[in-house]
Amino acid sequence: MLVSFFRTSRGDQPVQDYLNKISEKDSARIFALISDLVEQGNLEMPHGKKMVGYKHLYEIRYRRHRIIYCIYIERVILLHAFFKKSQETPNREIAIAIRRQKALIEKGP
């Protein structure tokens, strides 16, 4: 399985930008988790889980960093990343991931 960063219509890669802004240590650990995801096909708790109530959305979890991703045509697509500040994932963060997932599907392979 391959990994891709979601690319906006302007060419930005929001998850890549997020990973470039956080500490090198945290970024390295998240990249290691992404590598594990590719090798194993999924991540178990505490580092990964399916997002309950959302079809085909999953999250990579490291400390308070979250990366929401989907699997599309045998590829992990990293849709959205954010720093989690509360117990519950904010609806606006999920909405961004869903919007990007829809854009990905509409655009096609």
N, C-alpha and C. Protein backbone atom coordinates (compact mmCIF):
# COMPACT_ATOMS: atom_id res chain seq x y z
N MET A 1 0.84 -1.17 0.00
CA MET A 1 0.00 0.00 0.00
C MET A 1 0.89 1.24 0.00
N LEU A 2 0.49 2.24 -0.74
CA LEU A 2 1.24 3.49 -0.83
C LEU A 2 0.55 4.57 0.01
N VAL A 3 1.28 5.66 0.27
CA VAL A 3 0.75 6.79 1.02
C VAL A 3 0.83 8.03 0.16
N SER A 4 -0.23 8.84 0.20
CA SER A 4 -0.24 10.13 -0.49
C SER A 4 -0.77 11.19 0.45
N PHE A 5 -0.25 12.38 0.28
CA PHE A 5 -0.78 13.53 0.99
C PHE A 5 -1.87 14.15 0.13
N PHE A 6 -3.01 14.47 0.73
CA PHE A 6 -4.06 15.15 0.00
C PHE A 6 -3.50 16.47 -0.51
N ARG A 7 -3.82 16.78 -1.76
CA ARG A 7 -3.37 18.03 -2.38
C ARG A 7 -4.59 18.87 -2.72
N THR A 8 -4.60 20.11 -2.28
CA THR A 8 -5.71 21.01 -2.58
C THR A 8 -5.67 21.42 -4.05
N SER A 9 -6.72 22.08 -4.49
CA SER A 9 -6.76 22.54 -5.88
C SER A 9 -5.65 23.57 -6.17
N ARG A 10 -5.16 24.23 -5.14
CA ARG A 10 -4.04 25.17 -5.30
C ARG A 10 -2.68 24.48 -5.27
N GLY A 11 -2.69 23.18 -4.93
CA GLY A 11 -1.43 22.44 -4.88
C GLY A 11 -0.84 22.32 -3.49
N ASP A 12 -1.51 22.88 -2.49
CA ASP A 12 -1.02 22.78 -1.11
C ASP A 12 -1.20 21.35 -0.59
N GLN A 13 -0.36 20.97 0.34
CA GLN A 13 -0.47 19.68 1.01
C GLN A 13 -0.57 19.95 2.51
N PRO A 14 -1.80 20.14 3.02
CA PRO A 14 -1.99 20.56 4.40
C PRO A 14 -1.37 19.64 5.46
N VAL A 15 -1.43 18.34 5.26
CA VAL A 15 -0.85 17.43 6.26
C VAL A 15 0.67 17.55 6.26
N GLN A 16 1.26 17.61 5.08
CA GLN A 16 2.71 17.80 4.99
C GLN A 16 3.12 19.11 5.65
N ASP A 17 2.35 20.16 5.41
CA ASP A 17 2.64 21.46 6.04
C ASP A 17 2.58 21.35 7.56
N TYR A 18 1.57 20.65 8.06
CA TYR A 18 1.43 20.47 9.51
C TYR A 18 2.64 19.74 10.07
N LEU A 19 3.03 18.65 9.42
CA LEU A 19 4.17 17.86 9.91
C LEU A 19 5.48 18.65 9.87
N ASN A 20 5.58 19.57 8.93
CA ASN A 20 6.78 20.41 8.85
C ASN A 20 6.83 21.46 9.97
N LYS A 21 5.67 21.78 10.56
CA LYS A 21 5.60 22.83 11.58
C LYS A 21 5.79 22.30 13.01
N ILE A 22 5.52 21.02 13.22
CA ILE A 22 5.63 20.48 14.58
C ILE A 22 7.09 20.09 14.86
N SER A 23 7.37 19.67 16.09
CA SER A 23 8.75 19.34 16.45
C SER A 23 9.26 18.18 15.59
N GLU A 24 10.56 18.18 15.39
CA GLU A 24 11.20 17.12 14.60
C GLU A 24 10.95 15.75 15.23
N LYS A 25 10.99 15.68 16.54
CA LYS A 25 10.76 14.43 17.25
C LYS A 25 9.34 13.90 17.01
N ASP A 26 8.35 14.78 17.16
CA ASP A 26 6.97 14.36 16.95
C ASP A 26 6.73 13.98 15.49
N SER A 27 7.27 14.76 14.59
CA SER A 27 7.12 14.49 13.16
C SER A 27 7.73 13.12 12.81
N ALA A 28 8.92 12.85 13.34
CA ALA A 28 9.58 11.57 13.07
C ALA A 28 8.74 10.41 13.60
N ARG A 29 8.17 10.56 14.76
CA ARG A 29 7.33 9.49 15.34
C ARG A 29 6.07 9.27 14.50
N ILE A 30 5.48 10.35 14.03
CA ILE A 30 4.29 10.22 13.19
C ILE A 30 4.64 9.55 11.86
N PHE A 31 5.76 9.91 11.27
CA PHE A 31 6.18 9.24 10.03
C PHE A 31 6.44 7.75 10.28
N ALA A 32 6.95 7.41 11.45
CA ALA A 32 7.14 5.98 11.79
C ALA A 32 5.79 5.28 11.88
N LEU A 33 4.80 5.94 12.45
CA LEU A 33 3.46 5.35 12.53
C LEU A 33 2.85 5.19 11.14
N ILE A 34 3.07 6.16 10.27
CA ILE A 34 2.59 6.05 8.89
C ILE A 34 3.25 4.86 8.21
N SER A 35 4.52 4.68 8.44
CA SER A 35 5.24 3.53 7.88
C SER A 35 4.65 2.21 8.40
N ASP A 36 4.36 2.17 9.70
CA ASP A 36 3.72 0.98 10.28
C ASP A 36 2.37 0.72 9.63
N LEU A 37 1.62 1.77 9.41
CA LEU A 37 0.31 1.66 8.78
C LEU A 37 0.43 1.03 7.39
N VAL A 38 1.39 1.48 6.62
CA VAL A 38 1.60 0.96 5.28
C VAL A 38 2.00 -0.52 5.32
N GLU A 39 2.89 -0.86 6.23
CA GLU A 39 3.37 -2.24 6.33
C GLU A 39 2.30 -3.19 6.85
N GLN A 40 1.52 -2.76 7.85
CA GLN A 40 0.57 -3.64 8.52
C GLN A 40 -0.85 -3.54 7.96
N GLY A 41 -1.15 -2.47 7.26
CA GLY A 41 -2.49 -2.27 6.72
C GLY A 41 -3.45 -1.56 7.66
N ASN A 42 -3.08 -1.45 8.93
CA ASN A 42 -3.88 -0.69 9.90
C ASN A 42 -3.03 -0.41 11.13
N LEU A 43 -3.53 0.46 11.98
CA LEU A 43 -2.88 0.77 13.26
C LEU A 43 -3.87 0.47 14.37
N GLU A 44 -3.40 -0.18 15.39
CA GLU A 44 -4.23 -0.48 16.56
C GLU A 44 -4.11 0.64 17.58
N MET A 45 -5.08 0.69 18.49
CA MET A 45 -5.02 1.64 19.60
C MET A 45 -3.74 1.38 20.38
N PRO A 46 -3.06 2.35 20.89
CA PRO A 46 -3.50 3.74 21.03
C PRO A 46 -3.11 4.64 19.85
N HIS A 47 -2.46 4.08 18.83
CA HIS A 47 -1.94 4.93 17.75
C HIS A 47 -2.84 5.04 16.53
N GLY A 48 -3.91 4.29 16.49
CA GLY A 48 -4.81 4.40 15.35
C GLY A 48 -6.18 3.86 15.69
N LYS A 49 -7.17 4.38 15.00
CA LYS A 49 -8.51 3.85 15.19
C LYS A 49 -9.42 4.33 14.07
N LYS A 50 -10.49 3.58 13.86
CA LYS A 50 -11.55 3.97 12.93
C LYS A 50 -12.34 5.07 13.61
N MET A 51 -12.74 6.06 12.84
CA MET A 51 -13.54 7.14 13.41
C MET A 51 -15.00 6.69 13.44
N VAL A 52 -15.50 6.52 14.62
CA VAL A 52 -16.85 6.01 14.83
C VAL A 52 -17.89 6.95 14.21
N GLY A 53 -18.77 6.36 13.40
CA GLY A 53 -19.84 7.14 12.78
C GLY A 53 -19.47 7.75 11.45
N TYR A 54 -18.25 7.52 10.98
CA TYR A 54 -17.81 8.11 9.71
C TYR A 54 -17.27 7.00 8.82
N LYS A 55 -17.91 6.84 7.69
CA LYS A 55 -17.55 5.77 6.78
C LYS A 55 -16.17 6.01 6.16
N HIS A 56 -15.31 5.05 6.29
CA HIS A 56 -13.98 5.05 5.66
C HIS A 56 -13.03 6.13 6.16
N LEU A 57 -13.24 6.65 7.36
CA LEU A 57 -12.30 7.61 7.93
C LEU A 57 -11.62 6.98 9.15
N TYR A 58 -10.32 7.19 9.23
CA TYR A 58 -9.51 6.64 10.31
C TYR A 58 -8.60 7.75 10.82
N GLU A 59 -8.00 7.52 12.00
CA GLU A 59 -7.07 8.52 12.49
C GLU A 59 -5.80 7.90 13.01
N ILE A 60 -4.72 8.61 12.78
CA ILE A 60 -3.42 8.30 13.37
C ILE A 60 -3.33 9.20 14.59
N ARG A 61 -2.93 8.61 15.72
CA ARG A 61 -2.92 9.34 16.98
C ARG A 61 -1.51 9.27 17.58
N TYR A 62 -0.95 10.42 17.83
CA TYR A 62 0.31 10.47 18.57
C TYR A 62 0.25 11.68 19.49
N ARG A 63 0.35 11.40 20.77
CA ARG A 63 0.15 12.42 21.78
C ARG A 63 -1.16 13.14 21.47
N ARG A 64 -1.10 14.44 21.23
CA ARG A 64 -2.34 15.16 20.91
C ARG A 64 -2.44 15.52 19.43
N HIS A 65 -1.53 14.98 18.63
CA HIS A 65 -1.57 15.18 17.19
C HIS A 65 -2.53 14.15 16.58
N ARG A 66 -3.32 14.59 15.61
CA ARG A 66 -4.24 13.70 14.92
C ARG A 66 -4.11 13.90 13.42
N ILE A 67 -4.08 12.78 12.69
CA ILE A 67 -4.11 12.83 11.24
C ILE A 67 -5.27 11.95 10.80
N ILE A 68 -6.21 12.56 10.11
CA ILE A 68 -7.36 11.81 9.61
C ILE A 68 -7.02 11.37 8.18
N TYR A 69 -7.28 10.09 7.91
CA TYR A 69 -6.97 9.55 6.60
C TYR A 69 -8.07 8.63 6.12
N CYS A 70 -8.03 8.32 4.83
CA CYS A 70 -8.92 7.32 4.25
C CYS A 70 -8.07 6.41 3.37
N ILE A 71 -8.66 5.31 2.98
CA ILE A 71 -7.99 4.42 2.04
C ILE A 71 -8.78 4.51 0.74
N TYR A 72 -8.10 4.87 -0.32
CA TYR A 72 -8.74 5.09 -1.61
C TYR A 72 -7.90 4.42 -2.69
N ILE A 73 -8.49 3.48 -3.36
CA ILE A 73 -7.81 2.72 -4.43
C ILE A 73 -6.44 2.23 -3.97
N GLU A 74 -6.45 1.42 -2.92
CA GLU A 74 -5.22 0.78 -2.40
C GLU A 74 -4.15 1.79 -1.98
N ARG A 75 -4.58 2.97 -1.57
CA ARG A 75 -3.63 4.01 -1.16
C ARG A 75 -4.15 4.70 0.09
N VAL A 76 -3.27 4.94 1.04
CA VAL A 76 -3.61 5.72 2.22
C VAL A 76 -3.49 7.19 1.83
N ILE A 77 -4.58 7.92 2.00
CA ILE A 77 -4.58 9.35 1.68
C ILE A 77 -4.69 10.12 2.99
N LEU A 78 -3.66 10.88 3.32
CA LEU A 78 -3.64 11.68 4.54
C LEU A 78 -4.40 12.98 4.26
N LEU A 79 -5.58 13.09 4.85
CA LEU A 79 -6.51 14.17 4.51
C LEU A 79 -6.33 15.44 5.33
N HIS A 80 -6.17 15.28 6.63
CA HIS A 80 -6.20 16.45 7.51
C HIS A 80 -5.41 16.15 8.78
N ALA A 81 -4.73 17.16 9.30
CA ALA A 81 -3.97 17.03 10.55
C ALA A 81 -4.28 18.21 11.45
N PHE A 82 -4.30 17.93 12.75
CA PHE A 82 -4.56 19.00 13.71
C PHE A 82 -4.07 18.57 15.08
N PHE A 83 -3.98 19.56 15.97
CA PHE A 83 -3.59 19.34 17.35
C PHE A 83 -4.86 19.29 18.17
N LYS A 84 -5.10 18.17 18.82
CA LYS A 84 -6.34 17.98 19.56
C LYS A 84 -6.26 18.67 20.92
N LYS A 85 -7.22 19.55 21.18
CA LYS A 85 -7.19 20.34 22.41
C LYS A 85 -8.24 19.90 23.42
N SER A 86 -9.19 19.07 22.99
CA SER A 86 -10.25 18.65 23.90
C SER A 86 -10.45 17.14 23.79
N GLN A 87 -11.26 16.60 24.68
CA GLN A 87 -11.52 15.17 24.71
C GLN A 87 -12.15 14.69 23.39
N GLU A 88 -13.11 15.45 22.90
CA GLU A 88 -13.84 15.07 21.70
C GLU A 88 -13.23 15.75 20.48
N THR A 89 -13.21 15.03 19.36
CA THR A 89 -12.71 15.62 18.12
C THR A 89 -13.70 16.68 17.64
N PRO A 90 -13.24 17.92 17.44
CA PRO A 90 -14.15 18.98 17.01
C PRO A 90 -14.79 18.66 15.64
N ASN A 91 -16.07 18.98 15.52
CA ASN A 91 -16.80 18.73 14.28
C ASN A 91 -16.16 19.43 13.09
N ARG A 92 -15.58 20.62 13.30
CA ARG A 92 -14.98 21.35 12.17
C ARG A 92 -13.78 20.59 11.60
N GLU A 93 -13.04 19.88 12.46
CA GLU A 93 -11.89 19.11 11.99
C GLU A 93 -12.36 17.92 11.15
N ILE A 94 -13.41 17.28 11.61
CA ILE A 94 -13.98 16.15 10.86
C ILE A 94 -14.57 16.64 9.54
N ALA A 95 -15.23 17.78 9.57
CA ALA A 95 -15.83 18.34 8.36
C ALA A 95 -14.78 18.63 7.29
N ILE A 96 -13.62 19.11 7.70
CA ILE A 96 -12.53 19.37 6.75
C ILE A 96 -12.11 18.06 6.09
N ALA A 97 -11.93 17.02 6.88
CA ALA A 97 -11.52 15.72 6.34
C ALA A 97 -12.57 15.16 5.38
N ILE A 98 -13.83 15.28 5.75
CA ILE A 98 -14.92 14.78 4.89
C ILE A 98 -14.95 15.55 3.58
N ARG A 99 -14.81 16.86 3.64
CA ARG A 99 -14.79 17.68 2.44
C ARG A 99 -13.65 17.27 1.51
N ARG A 100 -12.49 17.03 2.08
CA ARG A 100 -11.34 16.63 1.28
C ARG A 100 -11.53 15.23 0.71
N GLN A 101 -12.12 14.34 1.48
CA GLN A 101 -12.40 13.00 0.99
C GLN A 101 -13.36 13.05 -0.21
N LYS A 102 -14.40 13.85 -0.10
CA LYS A 102 -15.36 14.01 -1.21
C LYS A 102 -14.68 14.59 -2.44
N ALA A 103 -13.82 15.58 -2.25
CA ALA A 103 -13.09 16.18 -3.37
C ALA A 103 -12.20 15.15 -4.05
N LEU A 104 -11.58 14.31 -3.27
CA LEU A 104 -10.72 13.26 -3.79
C LEU A 104 -11.53 12.29 -4.66
N ILE A 105 -12.67 11.88 -4.18
CA ILE A 105 -13.53 10.92 -4.90
C ILE A 105 -14.08 11.56 -6.17
N GLU A 106 -14.50 12.82 -6.08
CA GLU A 106 -15.04 13.52 -7.25
C GLU A 106 -13.98 13.69 -8.35
N LYS A 107 -12.77 13.97 -7.92
CA LYS A 107 -11.68 14.16 -8.88
C LYS A 107 -11.31 12.83 -9.55
N GLY A 108 -11.43 11.75 -8.82
CA GLY A 108 -11.11 10.44 -9.37
C GLY A 108 -9.63 10.15 -9.35
N PRO A 109 -9.28 8.92 -9.73
CA PRO A 109 -7.86 8.50 -9.68
C PRO A 109 -6.98 9.23 -10.68
